[in-house]
Amino acid sequence: MSLLIVLIVAIALSLAFHFIGVYAGAKKTVWLMLVLLWAGSINIAMSEIKPNGYKDIKTMKNQFADTDAIIKEAGEHVSVYEMLSIKQSYQINNPEK
């Protein structure tokens, strides 16, 4: 699943919650909830992976060119979203695992 699809779904859900809040008369509460949900989601997606994730990256390294390009692009500090894209690339190239 690409980031674009996730963002489109998130925006659609945000708009749906907004209209529910307008209908229920709780616009401020709904917008506060949406801001907190978006902030939490972005924080989780951009947080750094745990040390075991770096061990996984070492095992995936130097096997496939496109996976290596994603690993190189991620740099030293890999976020959760970058790790997901690295694993997805690796699984596409190596479907037996």
PDB file of N, CA and C in Angstrom:
ATOM      1  N   MET A   1       0.846  -1.166   0.000  1.00  0.00           N
ATOM      2  CA  MET A   1       0.000   0.000   0.000  1.00  0.00           C
ATOM      3  C   MET A   1       0.899   1.239   0.000  1.00  0.00           C
ATOM      4  N   SER A   2       0.650   2.126  -0.912  1.00  0.00           N
ATOM      5  CA  SER A   2       1.498   3.309  -1.017  1.00  0.00           C
ATOM      6  C   SER A   2       1.046   4.390  -0.039  1.00  0.00           C
ATOM      7  N   LEU A   3       1.942   5.317   0.196  1.00  0.00           N
ATOM      8  CA  LEU A   3       1.640   6.419   1.109  1.00  0.00           C
ATOM      9  C   LEU A   3       0.500   7.272   0.567  1.00  0.00           C
ATOM     10  N   LEU A   4       0.418   7.418  -0.740  1.00  0.00           N
ATOM     11  CA  LEU A   4      -0.650   8.217  -1.342  1.00  0.00           C
ATOM     12  C   LEU A   4      -2.024   7.630  -1.017  1.00  0.00           C
ATOM     13  N   ILE A   5      -2.160   6.323  -1.116  1.00  0.00           N
ATOM     14  CA  ILE A   5      -3.444   5.681  -0.807  1.00  0.00           C
ATOM     15  C   ILE A   5      -3.789   5.871   0.667  1.00  0.00           C
ATOM     16  N   VAL A   6      -2.800   5.706   1.536  1.00  0.00           N
ATOM     17  CA  VAL A   6      -3.028   5.887   2.970  1.00  0.00           C
ATOM     18  C   VAL A   6      -3.474   7.315   3.262  1.00  0.00           C
ATOM     19  N   LEU A   7      -2.826   8.295   2.634  1.00  0.00           N
ATOM     20  CA  LEU A   7      -3.203   9.693   2.852  1.00  0.00           C
ATOM     21  C   LEU A   7      -4.605   9.995   2.333  1.00  0.00           C
ATOM     22  N   ILE A   8      -4.971   9.448   1.184  1.00  0.00           N
ATOM     23  CA  ILE A   8      -6.305   9.674   0.633  1.00  0.00           C
ATOM     24  C   ILE A   8      -7.368   9.102   1.568  1.00  0.00           C
ATOM     25  N   VAL A   9      -7.141   7.896   2.067  1.00  0.00           N
ATOM     26  CA  VAL A   9      -8.088   7.279   2.999  1.00  0.00           C
ATOM     27  C   VAL A   9      -8.171   8.091   4.288  1.00  0.00           C
ATOM     28  N   ALA A  10      -7.031   8.545   4.793  1.00  0.00           N
ATOM     29  CA  ALA A  10      -7.017   9.327   6.034  1.00  0.00           C
ATOM     30  C   ALA A  10      -7.764  10.641   5.870  1.00  0.00           C
ATOM     31  N   ILE A  11      -7.580  11.305   4.742  1.00  0.00           N
ATOM     32  CA  ILE A  11      -8.282  12.572   4.496  1.00  0.00           C
ATOM     33  C   ILE A  11      -9.782  12.326   4.364  1.00  0.00           C
ATOM     34  N   ALA A  12     -10.157  11.244   3.675  1.00  0.00           N
ATOM     35  CA  ALA A  12     -11.579  10.922   3.539  1.00  0.00           C
ATOM     36  C   ALA A  12     -12.207  10.632   4.902  1.00  0.00           C
ATOM     37  N   LEU A  13     -11.502   9.886   5.740  1.00  0.00           N
ATOM     38  CA  LEU A  13     -12.018   9.614   7.085  1.00  0.00           C
ATOM     39  C   LEU A  13     -12.101  10.885   7.919  1.00  0.00           C
ATOM     40  N   SER A  14     -11.122  11.767   7.759  1.00  0.00           N
ATOM     41  CA  SER A  14     -11.151  13.037   8.492  1.00  0.00           C
ATOM     42  C   SER A  14     -12.366  13.866   8.097  1.00  0.00           C
ATOM     43  N   LEU A  15     -12.644  13.923   6.797  1.00  0.00           N
ATOM     44  CA  LEU A  15     -13.817  14.665   6.336  1.00  0.00           C
ATOM     45  C   LEU A  15     -15.109  14.025   6.844  1.00  0.00           C
ATOM     46  N   ALA A  16     -15.154  12.700   6.844  1.00  0.00           N
ATOM     47  CA  ALA A  16     -16.349  12.015   7.348  1.00  0.00           C
ATOM     48  C   ALA A  16     -16.564  12.328   8.826  1.00  0.00           C
ATOM     49  N   PHE A  17     -15.492  12.270   9.617  1.00  0.00           N
ATOM     50  CA  PHE A  17     -15.619  12.607  11.039  1.00  0.00           C
ATOM     51  C   PHE A  17     -16.029  14.066  11.223  1.00  0.00           C
ATOM     52  N   HIS A  18     -15.528  14.950  10.361  1.00  0.00           N
ATOM     53  CA  HIS A  18     -15.902  16.359  10.454  1.00  0.00           C
ATOM     54  C   HIS A  18     -17.412  16.525  10.253  1.00  0.00           C
ATOM     55  N   PHE A  19     -17.957  15.874   9.222  1.00  0.00           N
ATOM     56  CA  PHE A  19     -19.382  16.021   8.960  1.00  0.00           C
ATOM     57  C   PHE A  19     -20.227  15.363  10.051  1.00  0.00           C
ATOM     58  N   ILE A  20     -19.727  14.293  10.637  1.00  0.00           N
ATOM     59  CA  ILE A  20     -20.422  13.695  11.783  1.00  0.00           C
ATOM     60  C   ILE A  20     -20.428  14.683  12.952  1.00  0.00           C
ATOM     61  N   GLY A  21     -19.295  15.357  13.163  1.00  0.00           N
ATOM     62  CA  GLY A  21     -19.212  16.356  14.227  1.00  0.00           C
ATOM     63  C   GLY A  21     -20.133  17.533  13.985  1.00  0.00           C
ATOM     64  N   VAL A  22     -20.242  17.970  12.733  1.00  0.00           N
ATOM     65  CA  VAL A  22     -21.150  19.071  12.398  1.00  0.00           C
ATOM     66  C   VAL A  22     -22.590  18.644  12.674  1.00  0.00           C
ATOM     67  N   TYR A  23     -22.937  17.437  12.267  1.00  0.00           N
ATOM     68  CA  TYR A  23     -24.295  16.937  12.471  1.00  0.00           C
ATOM     69  C   TYR A  23     -24.612  16.792  13.960  1.00  0.00           C
ATOM     70  N   ALA A  24     -23.639  16.321  14.733  1.00  0.00           N
ATOM     71  CA  ALA A  24     -23.860  16.114  16.168  1.00  0.00           C
ATOM     72  C   ALA A  24     -23.685  17.396  16.974  1.00  0.00           C
ATOM     73  N   GLY A  25     -23.171  18.447  16.352  1.00  0.00           N
ATOM     74  CA  GLY A  25     -22.974  19.707  17.057  1.00  0.00           C
ATOM     75  C   GLY A  25     -21.739  19.715  17.941  1.00  0.00           C
ATOM     76  N   ALA A  26     -20.761  18.902  17.599  1.00  0.00           N
ATOM     77  CA  ALA A  26     -19.540  18.810  18.414  1.00  0.00           C
ATOM     78  C   ALA A  26     -18.311  19.054  17.546  1.00  0.00           C
ATOM     79  N   LYS A  27     -18.342  20.153  16.788  1.00  0.00           N
ATOM     80  CA  LYS A  27     -17.251  20.426  15.844  1.00  0.00           C
ATOM     81  C   LYS A  27     -15.898  20.558  16.532  1.00  0.00           C
ATOM     82  N   LYS A  28     -15.848  21.302  17.622  1.00  0.00           N
ATOM     83  CA  LYS A  28     -14.558  21.536  18.283  1.00  0.00           C
ATOM     84  C   LYS A  28     -13.974  20.241  18.834  1.00  0.00           C
ATOM     85  N   THR A  29     -14.814  19.419  19.409  1.00  0.00           N
ATOM     86  CA  THR A  29     -14.347  18.145  19.965  1.00  0.00           C
ATOM     87  C   THR A  29     -13.825  17.230  18.862  1.00  0.00           C
ATOM     88  N   VAL A  30     -14.551  17.167  17.758  1.00  0.00           N
ATOM     89  CA  VAL A  30     -14.131  16.311  16.644  1.00  0.00           C
ATOM     90  C   VAL A  30     -12.831  16.818  16.046  1.00  0.00           C
ATOM     91  N   TRP A  31     -12.688  18.119  15.864  1.00  0.00           N
ATOM     92  CA  TRP A  31     -11.446  18.646  15.292  1.00  0.00           C
ATOM     93  C   TRP A  31     -10.267  18.435  16.229  1.00  0.00           C
ATOM     94  N   LEU A  32     -10.496  18.561  17.523  1.00  0.00           N
ATOM     95  CA  LEU A  32      -9.430  18.278  18.485  1.00  0.00           C
ATOM     96  C   LEU A  32      -9.003  16.813  18.390  1.00  0.00           C
ATOM     97  N   MET A  33      -9.983  15.915  18.288  1.00  0.00           N
ATOM     98  CA  MET A  33      -9.687  14.494  18.147  1.00  0.00           C
ATOM     99  C   MET A  33      -8.915  14.227  16.852  1.00  0.00           C
ATOM    100  N   LEU A  34      -9.323  14.847  15.759  1.00  0.00           N
ATOM    101  CA  LEU A  34      -8.639  14.654  14.480  1.00  0.00           C
ATOM    102  C   LEU A  34      -7.201  15.155  14.528  1.00  0.00           C
ATOM    103  N   VAL A  35      -6.990  16.298  15.139  1.00  0.00           N
ATOM    104  CA  VAL A  35      -5.626  16.831  15.252  1.00  0.00           C
ATOM    105  C   VAL A  35      -4.756  15.888  16.071  1.00  0.00           C
ATOM    106  N   LEU A  36      -5.289  15.379  17.169  1.00  0.00           N
ATOM    107  CA  LEU A  36      -4.523  14.442  17.996  1.00  0.00           C
ATOM    108  C   LEU A  36      -4.237  13.137  17.254  1.00  0.00           C
ATOM    109  N   LEU A  37      -5.222  12.631  16.503  1.00  0.00           N
ATOM    110  CA  LEU A  37      -5.012  11.404  15.728  1.00  0.00           C
ATOM    111  C   LEU A  37      -3.954  11.591  14.650  1.00  0.00           C
ATOM    112  N   TRP A  38      -4.012  12.704  13.919  1.00  0.00           N
ATOM    113  CA  TRP A  38      -3.020  12.971  12.873  1.00  0.00           C
ATOM    114  C   TRP A  38      -1.632  13.143  13.479  1.00  0.00           C
ATOM    115  N   ALA A  39      -1.540  13.869  14.582  1.00  0.00           N
ATOM    116  CA  ALA A  39      -0.235  14.076  15.221  1.00  0.00           C
ATOM    117  C   ALA A  39       0.349  12.750  15.704  1.00  0.00           C
ATOM    118  N   GLY A  40      -0.478  11.912  16.299  1.00  0.00           N
ATOM    119  CA  GLY A  40      -0.010  10.608  16.752  1.00  0.00           C
ATOM    120  C   GLY A  40       0.413   9.709  15.609  1.00  0.00           C
ATOM    121  N   SER A  41      -0.343   9.718  14.528  1.00  0.00           N
ATOM    122  CA  SER A  41      -0.014   8.890  13.362  1.00  0.00           C
ATOM    123  C   SER A  41       1.301   9.306  12.735  1.00  0.00           C
ATOM    124  N   ILE A  42       1.483  10.595  12.567  1.00  0.00           N
ATOM    125  CA  ILE A  42       2.726  11.099  11.973  1.00  0.00           C
ATOM    126  C   ILE A  42       3.901  10.797  12.886  1.00  0.00           C
ATOM    127  N   ASN A  43       3.702  10.941  14.191  1.00  0.00           N
ATOM    128  CA  ASN A  43       4.767  10.648  15.146  1.00  0.00           C
ATOM    129  C   ASN A  43       5.187   9.182  15.071  1.00  0.00           C
ATOM    130  N   ILE A  44       4.231   8.277  15.007  1.00  0.00           N
ATOM    131  CA  ILE A  44       4.548   6.847  14.928  1.00  0.00           C
ATOM    132  C   ILE A  44       5.245   6.517  13.615  1.00  0.00           C
ATOM    133  N   ALA A  45       4.750   7.054  12.499  1.00  0.00           N
ATOM    134  CA  ALA A  45       5.340   6.744  11.193  1.00  0.00           C
ATOM    135  C   ALA A  45       6.755   7.279  11.056  1.00  0.00           C
ATOM    136  N   MET A  46       7.043   8.400  11.693  1.00  0.00           N
ATOM    137  CA  MET A  46       8.362   9.010  11.546  1.00  0.00           C
ATOM    138  C   MET A  46       9.338   8.624  12.657  1.00  0.00           C
ATOM    139  N   SER A  47       8.882   7.851  13.636  1.00  0.00           N
ATOM    140  CA  SER A  47       9.790   7.469  14.717  1.00  0.00           C
ATOM    141  C   SER A  47      10.796   6.431  14.225  1.00  0.00           C
ATOM    142  N   GLU A  48      11.919   6.377  14.904  1.00  0.00           N
ATOM    143  CA  GLU A  48      12.998   5.480  14.491  1.00  0.00           C
ATOM    144  C   GLU A  48      12.667   4.042  14.886  1.00  0.00           C
ATOM    145  N   ILE A  49      13.119   3.098  14.062  1.00  0.00           N
ATOM    146  CA  ILE A  49      12.866   1.690  14.344  1.00  0.00           C
ATOM    147  C   ILE A  49      13.732   1.204  15.501  1.00  0.00           C
ATOM    148  N   LYS A  50      13.398   0.038  16.022  1.00  0.00           N
ATOM    149  CA  LYS A  50      14.152  -0.553  17.131  1.00  0.00           C
ATOM    150  C   LYS A  50      15.424  -1.212  16.604  1.00  0.00           C
ATOM    151  N   PRO A  51      16.387  -1.514  17.471  1.00  0.00           N
ATOM    152  CA  PRO A  51      17.661  -2.121  17.035  1.00  0.00           C
ATOM    153  C   PRO A  51      17.503  -3.424  16.249  1.00  0.00           C
ATOM    154  N   ASN A  52      16.478  -4.213  16.541  1.00  0.00           N
ATOM    155  CA  ASN A  52      16.266  -5.447  15.772  1.00  0.00           C
ATOM    156  C   ASN A  52      15.972  -5.152  14.304  1.00  0.00           C
ATOM    157  N   GLY A  53      15.372  -4.011  14.028  1.00  0.00           N
ATOM    158  CA  GLY A  53      15.107  -3.622  12.647  1.00  0.00           C
ATOM    159  C   GLY A  53      16.382  -3.405  11.862  1.00  0.00           C
ATOM    160  N   TYR A  54      17.398  -2.863  12.518  1.00  0.00           N
ATOM    161  CA  TYR A  54      18.679  -2.654  11.844  1.00  0.00           C
ATOM    162  C   TYR A  54      19.358  -3.986  11.535  1.00  0.00           C
ATOM    163  N   LYS A  55      19.127  -5.001  12.384  1.00  0.00           N
ATOM    164  CA  LYS A  55      19.654  -6.341  12.090  1.00  0.00           C
ATOM    165  C   LYS A  55      18.975  -6.912  10.850  1.00  0.00           C
ATOM    166  N   ASP A  56      17.665  -6.685  10.732  1.00  0.00           N
ATOM    167  CA  ASP A  56      16.941  -7.138   9.546  1.00  0.00           C
ATOM    168  C   ASP A  56      17.459  -6.453   8.287  1.00  0.00           C
ATOM    169  N   ILE A  57      17.752  -5.164   8.396  1.00  0.00           N
ATOM    170  CA  ILE A  57      18.266  -4.427   7.241  1.00  0.00           C
ATOM    171  C   ILE A  57      19.612  -4.995   6.807  1.00  0.00           C
ATOM    172  N   LYS A  58      20.457  -5.364   7.768  1.00  0.00           N
ATOM    173  CA  LYS A  58      21.760  -5.947   7.420  1.00  0.00           C
ATOM    174  C   LYS A  58      21.598  -7.254   6.657  1.00  0.00           C
ATOM    175  N   THR A  59      20.590  -8.055   7.014  1.00  0.00           N
ATOM    176  CA  THR A  59      20.382  -9.315   6.294  1.00  0.00           C
ATOM    177  C   THR A  59      19.817  -9.085   4.896  1.00  0.00           C
ATOM    178  N   MET A  60      19.078  -7.998   4.692  1.00  0.00           N
ATOM    179  CA  MET A  60      18.492  -7.703   3.384  1.00  0.00           C
ATOM    180  C   MET A  60      19.451  -6.958   2.463  1.00  0.00           C
ATOM    181  N   LYS A  61      20.500  -6.408   3.031  1.00  0.00           N
ATOM    182  CA  LYS A  61      21.432  -5.577   2.277  1.00  0.00           C
ATOM    183  C   LYS A  61      22.250  -6.415   1.290  1.00  0.00           C
ATOM    184  N   ASN A  62      22.620  -5.812   0.171  1.00  0.00           N
ATOM    185  CA  ASN A  62      23.485  -6.398  -0.864  1.00  0.00           C
ATOM    186  C   ASN A  62      22.896  -7.646  -1.514  1.00  0.00           C
ATOM    187  N   GLN A  63      21.570  -7.726  -1.592  1.00  0.00           N
ATOM    188  CA  GLN A  63      20.937  -8.846  -2.284  1.00  0.00           C
ATOM    189  C   GLN A  63      20.195  -8.394  -3.538  1.00  0.00           C
ATOM    190  N   PHE A  64      19.546  -7.239  -3.472  1.00  0.00           N
ATOM    191  CA  PHE A  64      18.785  -6.729  -4.605  1.00  0.00           C
ATOM    192  C   PHE A  64      19.081  -5.247  -4.772  1.00  0.00           C
ATOM    193  N   ALA A  65      19.236  -4.813  -6.008  1.00  0.00           N
ATOM    194  CA  ALA A  65      19.657  -3.434  -6.289  1.00  0.00           C
ATOM    195  C   ALA A  65      18.621  -2.412  -5.828  1.00  0.00           C
ATOM    196  N   ASP A  66      17.342  -2.667  -6.110  1.00  0.00           N
ATOM    197  CA  ASP A  66      16.336  -1.668  -5.730  1.00  0.00           C
ATOM    198  C   ASP A  66      16.144  -1.594  -4.214  1.00  0.00           C
ATOM    199  N   THR A  67      16.281  -2.719  -3.522  1.00  0.00           N
ATOM    200  CA  THR A  67      16.212  -2.698  -2.058  1.00  0.00           C
ATOM    201  C   THR A  67      17.401  -1.946  -1.485  1.00  0.00           C
ATOM    202  N   ASP A  68      18.580  -2.158  -2.070  1.00  0.00           N
ATOM    203  CA  ASP A  68      19.772  -1.431  -1.619  1.00  0.00           C
ATOM    204  C   ASP A  68      19.618   0.072  -1.831  1.00  0.00           C
ATOM    205  N   ALA A  69      18.955   0.464  -2.925  1.00  0.00           N
ATOM    206  CA  ALA A  69      18.745   1.891  -3.185  1.00  0.00           C
ATOM    207  C   ALA A  69      17.842   2.510  -2.114  1.00  0.00           C
ATOM    208  N   ILE A  70      16.815   1.786  -1.709  1.00  0.00           N
ATOM    209  CA  ILE A  70      15.915   2.296  -0.665  1.00  0.00           C
ATOM    210  C   ILE A  70      16.647   2.382   0.669  1.00  0.00           C
ATOM    211  N   ILE A  71      17.478   1.376   0.965  1.00  0.00           N
ATOM    212  CA  ILE A  71      18.249   1.382   2.212  1.00  0.00           C
ATOM    213  C   ILE A  71      19.218   2.559   2.224  1.00  0.00           C
ATOM    214  N   LYS A  72      19.869   2.797   1.086  1.00  0.00           N
ATOM    215  CA  LYS A  72      20.820   3.912   0.999  1.00  0.00           C
ATOM    216  C   LYS A  72      20.097   5.248   1.154  1.00  0.00           C
ATOM    217  N   GLU A  73      18.929   5.351   0.547  1.00  0.00           N
ATOM    218  CA  GLU A  73      18.141   6.589   0.625  1.00  0.00           C
ATOM    219  C   GLU A  73      17.672   6.865   2.058  1.00  0.00           C
ATOM    220  N   ALA A  74      17.387   5.802   2.815  1.00  0.00           N
ATOM    221  CA  ALA A  74      16.911   5.966   4.194  1.00  0.00           C
ATOM    222  C   ALA A  74      17.993   6.524   5.109  1.00  0.00           C
ATOM    223  N   GLY A  75      19.240   6.214   4.842  1.00  0.00           N
ATOM    224  CA  GLY A  75      20.334   6.745   5.649  1.00  0.00           C
ATOM    225  C   GLY A  75      20.579   5.936   6.911  1.00  0.00           C
ATOM    226  N   GLU A  76      21.202   6.584   7.885  1.00  0.00           N
ATOM    227  CA  GLU A  76      21.568   5.893   9.127  1.00  0.00           C
ATOM    228  C   GLU A  76      20.382   5.668  10.053  1.00  0.00           C
ATOM    229  N   HIS A  77      19.488   6.630  10.119  1.00  0.00           N
ATOM    230  CA  HIS A  77      18.329   6.540  11.009  1.00  0.00           C
ATOM    231  C   HIS A  77      17.098   6.221  10.168  1.00  0.00           C
ATOM    232  N   VAL A  78      16.578   5.019  10.318  1.00  0.00           N
ATOM    233  CA  VAL A  78      15.472   4.535   9.498  1.00  0.00           C
ATOM    234  C   VAL A  78      14.165   4.687  10.268  1.00  0.00           C
ATOM    235  N   SER A  79      13.173   5.304   9.620  1.00  0.00           N
ATOM    236  CA  SER A  79      11.862   5.453  10.254  1.00  0.00           C
ATOM    237  C   SER A  79      11.025   4.199  10.009  1.00  0.00           C
ATOM    238  N   VAL A  80       9.909   4.106  10.710  1.00  0.00           N
ATOM    239  CA  VAL A  80       9.019   2.955  10.576  1.00  0.00           C
ATOM    240  C   VAL A  80       8.499   2.861   9.145  1.00  0.00           C
ATOM    241  N   TYR A  81       8.102   3.984   8.560  1.00  0.00           N
ATOM    242  CA  TYR A  81       7.586   3.971   7.190  1.00  0.00           C
ATOM    243  C   TYR A  81       8.661   3.524   6.205  1.00  0.00           C
ATOM    244  N   GLU A  82       9.898   3.996   6.380  1.00  0.00           N
ATOM    245  CA  GLU A  82      10.985   3.576   5.494  1.00  0.00           C
ATOM    246  C   GLU A  82      11.258   2.084   5.641  1.00  0.00           C
ATOM    247  N   MET A  83      11.178   1.569   6.856  1.00  0.00           N
ATOM    248  CA  MET A  83      11.387   0.135   7.078  1.00  0.00           C
ATOM    249  C   MET A  83      10.320  -0.675   6.365  1.00  0.00           C
ATOM    250  N   LEU A  84       9.092  -0.201   6.384  1.00  0.00           N
ATOM    251  CA  LEU A  84       8.023  -0.898   5.675  1.00  0.00           C
ATOM    252  C   LEU A  84       8.283  -0.931   4.174  1.00  0.00           C
ATOM    253  N   SER A  85       8.759   0.169   3.610  1.00  0.00           N
ATOM    254  CA  SER A  85       9.044   0.183   2.173  1.00  0.00           C
ATOM    255  C   SER A  85      10.237  -0.704   1.839  1.00  0.00           C
ATOM    256  N   ILE A  86      11.228  -0.778   2.729  1.00  0.00           N
ATOM    257  CA  ILE A  86      12.378  -1.664   2.512  1.00  0.00           C
ATOM    258  C   ILE A  86      11.918  -3.120   2.522  1.00  0.00           C
ATOM    259  N   LYS A  87      11.107  -3.489   3.503  1.00  0.00           N
ATOM    260  CA  LYS A  87      10.621  -4.870   3.588  1.00  0.00           C
ATOM    261  C   LYS A  87       9.728  -5.219   2.405  1.00  0.00           C
ATOM    262  N   GLN A  88       8.917  -4.279   1.959  1.00  0.00           N
ATOM    263  CA  GLN A  88       8.050  -4.530   0.814  1.00  0.00           C
ATOM    264  C   GLN A  88       8.887  -4.774  -0.434  1.00  0.00           C
ATOM    265  N   SER A  89       9.910  -3.970  -0.649  1.00  0.00           N
ATOM    266  CA  SER A  89      10.792  -4.153  -1.796  1.00  0.00           C
ATOM    267  C   SER A  89      11.496  -5.499  -1.731  1.00  0.00           C
ATOM    268  N   TYR A  90      11.955  -5.872  -0.556  1.00  0.00           N
ATOM    269  CA  TYR A  90      12.653  -7.149  -0.386  1.00  0.00           C
ATOM    270  C   TYR A  90      11.715  -8.326  -0.664  1.00  0.00           C
ATOM    271  N   GLN A  91      10.480  -8.246  -0.193  1.00  0.00           N
ATOM    272  CA  GLN A  91       9.529  -9.337  -0.404  1.00  0.00           C
ATOM    273  C   GLN A  91       9.099  -9.450  -1.857  1.00  0.00           C
ATOM    274  N   ILE A  92       9.055  -8.342  -2.564  1.00  0.00           N
ATOM    275  CA  ILE A  92       8.728  -8.392  -3.993  1.00  0.00           C
ATOM    276  C   ILE A  92       9.838  -9.113  -4.750  1.00  0.00           C
ATOM    277  N   ASN A  93      11.086  -8.828  -4.406  1.00  0.00           N
ATOM    278  CA  ASN A  93      12.217  -9.455  -5.083  1.00  0.00           C
ATOM    279  C   ASN A  93      12.458 -10.887  -4.631  1.00  0.00           C
ATOM    280  N   ASN A  94      12.092 -11.217  -3.411  1.00  0.00           N
ATOM    281  CA  ASN A  94      12.347 -12.532  -2.840  1.00  0.00           C
ATOM    282  C   ASN A  94      11.035 -13.099  -2.291  1.00  0.00           C
ATOM    283  N   PRO A  95      10.123 -13.551  -3.174  1.00  0.00           N
ATOM    284  CA  PRO A  95       8.782 -13.938  -2.729  1.00  0.00           C
ATOM    285  C   PRO A  95       8.720 -15.213  -1.895  1.00  0.00           C
ATOM    286  N   GLU A  96       9.776 -15.999  -1.847  1.00  0.00           N
ATOM    287  CA  GLU A  96       9.711 -17.261  -1.109  1.00  0.00           C
ATOM    288  C   GLU A  96       9.805 -17.089   0.392  1.00  0.00           C
ATOM    289  N   LYS A  97      10.181 -15.907   0.882  1.00  0.00           N
ATOM    290  CA  LYS A  97      10.294 -15.698   2.331  1.00  0.00           C
ATOM    291  C   LYS A  97       9.087 -14.986   2.869  1.00  0.00           C
TER     292      LYS A  97
END
